[in-house]
Amino acid sequence: MSIELSVKQLPIVQAKLVAPKGQTNKFGGYKYRSCEDILESVKPLLSNIGASISVSDDIVMLGDRFYVKATACITFADGSSSSGVAFAREPLNKKAWTRRRSLGRHRAMHVSML
């Protein structure tokens, strides 16, 4: 499979991807998808085209703030790959914000990259 053909498979996977909002935020009461929910839904679709996905996080400092740098990489059977990177940090001042909510925010980055 050529690199061009591999990347052309991504819109097909995205069109078929259905990831229900299986989580409920206890603070705000709204429904959301976790990274795990989306990975569970996308892995079989990627397997059908001979691809796999990996997700990784790094802590980086930009200016005087620490950020979580999240990378999602899809690797195709021919060895070619496509990746996306996103950054998240906790707000300077946010009422009722906790470290746990900050980590949830970085998980949302993975979701947006997929």
Protein backbone atom coordinates (compact mmCIF):
# COMPACT_ATOMS: atom_id res chain seq x y z
CA MET A 1 0.00 0.00 0.00
CA SER A 2 1.47 3.38 -0.95
CA ILE A 3 1.72 6.25 1.50
CA GLU A 4 -0.85 8.20 -0.55
CA LEU A 5 -3.30 5.28 -0.47
CA SER A 6 -2.71 4.80 3.27
CA VAL A 7 -3.58 8.40 4.12
CA LYS A 8 -6.63 8.25 1.83
CA GLN A 9 -7.97 5.51 4.13
CA LEU A 10 -8.25 7.95 7.07
CA PRO A 11 -11.43 9.74 5.90
CA ILE A 12 -13.09 6.34 5.47
CA VAL A 13 -12.19 5.38 9.04
CA GLN A 14 -13.39 8.78 10.32
CA ALA A 15 -16.71 8.42 8.46
CA LYS A 16 -17.31 4.97 9.96
CA LEU A 17 -16.20 5.90 13.47
CA VAL A 18 -19.01 5.96 16.01
CA ALA A 19 -17.91 6.65 19.57
CA PRO A 20 -20.83 7.18 21.93
CA LYS A 21 -20.57 9.59 24.83
CA GLY A 22 -20.22 6.92 27.48
CA GLN A 23 -19.06 9.11 30.36
CA THR A 24 -20.85 11.66 32.55
CA ASN A 25 -19.13 14.62 34.16
CA LYS A 26 -20.18 14.64 37.81
CA PHE A 27 -19.34 18.33 38.25
CA GLY A 28 -21.25 19.66 35.22
CA GLY A 29 -23.61 16.76 34.52
CA TYR A 30 -22.80 16.65 30.81
CA LYS A 31 -21.97 13.57 28.69
CA TYR A 32 -18.59 13.18 27.00
CA ARG A 33 -16.34 10.68 25.22
CA SER A 34 -13.14 9.60 26.90
CA CYS A 35 -9.97 8.80 25.00
CA GLU A 36 -10.53 5.17 25.96
CA ASP A 37 -14.07 5.24 24.49
CA ILE A 38 -12.76 6.51 21.17
CA LEU A 39 -9.80 4.11 21.06
CA GLU A 40 -12.14 1.20 21.73
CA SER A 41 -14.25 2.25 18.73
CA VAL A 42 -11.43 3.13 16.32
CA LYS A 43 -9.11 0.15 16.82
CA PRO A 44 -11.33 -2.38 14.96
CA LEU A 45 -11.73 0.07 12.05
CA LEU A 46 -7.99 0.57 11.81
CA SER A 47 -7.41 -3.17 12.04
CA ASN A 48 -9.65 -3.64 8.99
CA ILE A 49 -7.26 -1.53 6.91
CA GLY A 50 -4.11 -2.99 8.48
CA ALA A 51 -3.32 0.00 10.67
CA SER A 52 -2.74 0.61 14.36
CA ILE A 53 -2.81 3.62 16.66
CA SER A 54 -0.58 4.70 19.50
CA VAL A 55 -1.06 7.58 21.92
CA SER A 56 1.65 9.18 24.05
CA ASP A 57 2.04 12.12 26.42
CA ASP A 58 5.01 14.28 27.34
CA ILE A 59 5.34 17.16 29.78
CA VAL A 60 6.92 20.23 28.16
CA MET A 61 7.59 23.75 29.35
CA LEU A 62 6.53 26.61 27.09
CA GLY A 63 7.41 29.99 28.52
CA ASP A 64 6.80 29.71 32.25
CA ARG A 65 4.00 27.12 32.03
CA PHE A 66 3.99 23.34 31.92
CA TYR A 67 1.88 21.70 29.21
CA VAL A 68 0.88 18.15 28.40
CA LYS A 69 1.91 17.44 24.81
CA ALA A 70 -0.23 14.59 23.47
CA THR A 71 0.62 12.75 20.26
CA ALA A 72 -1.61 10.28 18.42
CA CYS A 73 0.05 8.28 15.63
CA ILE A 74 -1.61 5.95 13.13
CA THR A 75 0.77 3.47 11.52
CA PHE A 76 -0.22 1.67 8.33
CA ALA A 77 0.78 -1.82 7.19
CA ASP A 78 3.35 -0.40 4.76
CA GLY A 79 5.15 1.40 7.61
CA SER A 80 3.90 4.87 6.71
CA SER A 81 2.24 6.90 9.44
CA SER A 82 0.17 9.97 10.15
CA SER A 83 0.24 11.79 13.47
CA GLY A 84 -1.33 14.70 15.29
CA VAL A 85 -0.09 16.73 18.25
CA ALA A 86 -2.03 18.86 20.72
CA PHE A 87 -1.20 20.77 23.90
CA ALA A 88 -3.18 21.39 27.11
CA ARG A 89 -2.55 23.11 30.41
CA GLU A 90 -4.54 24.05 33.45
CA PRO A 91 -6.05 27.54 33.47
CA LEU A 92 -4.37 30.20 35.62
CA ASN A 93 -7.54 30.85 37.61
CA LYS A 94 -10.62 28.72 37.27
CA LYS A 95 -13.28 28.29 39.92
CA ALA A 96 -13.71 24.66 41.04
CA TRP A 97 -10.77 23.54 38.88
CA THR A 98 -8.83 20.56 40.20
CA ARG A 99 -5.75 18.69 39.03
CA ARG A 100 -8.02 15.81 38.06
CA ARG A 101 -10.06 18.09 35.78
CA SER A 102 -6.81 19.33 34.25
CA LEU A 103 -5.84 15.75 33.38
CA GLY A 104 -9.30 15.22 31.91
CA ARG A 105 -8.67 18.21 29.70
CA HIS A 106 -5.54 16.63 28.26
CA ARG A 107 -7.51 13.47 27.49
CA ALA A 108 -9.87 15.65 25.48
CA MET A 109 -6.91 16.58 23.29
CA HIS A 110 -6.54 12.96 22.24
CA VAL A 111 -10.18 12.94 21.33
CA SER A 112 -9.86 16.05 19.17
CA MET A 113 -6.85 14.62 17.32
CA LEU A 114 -8.79 11.53 16.30
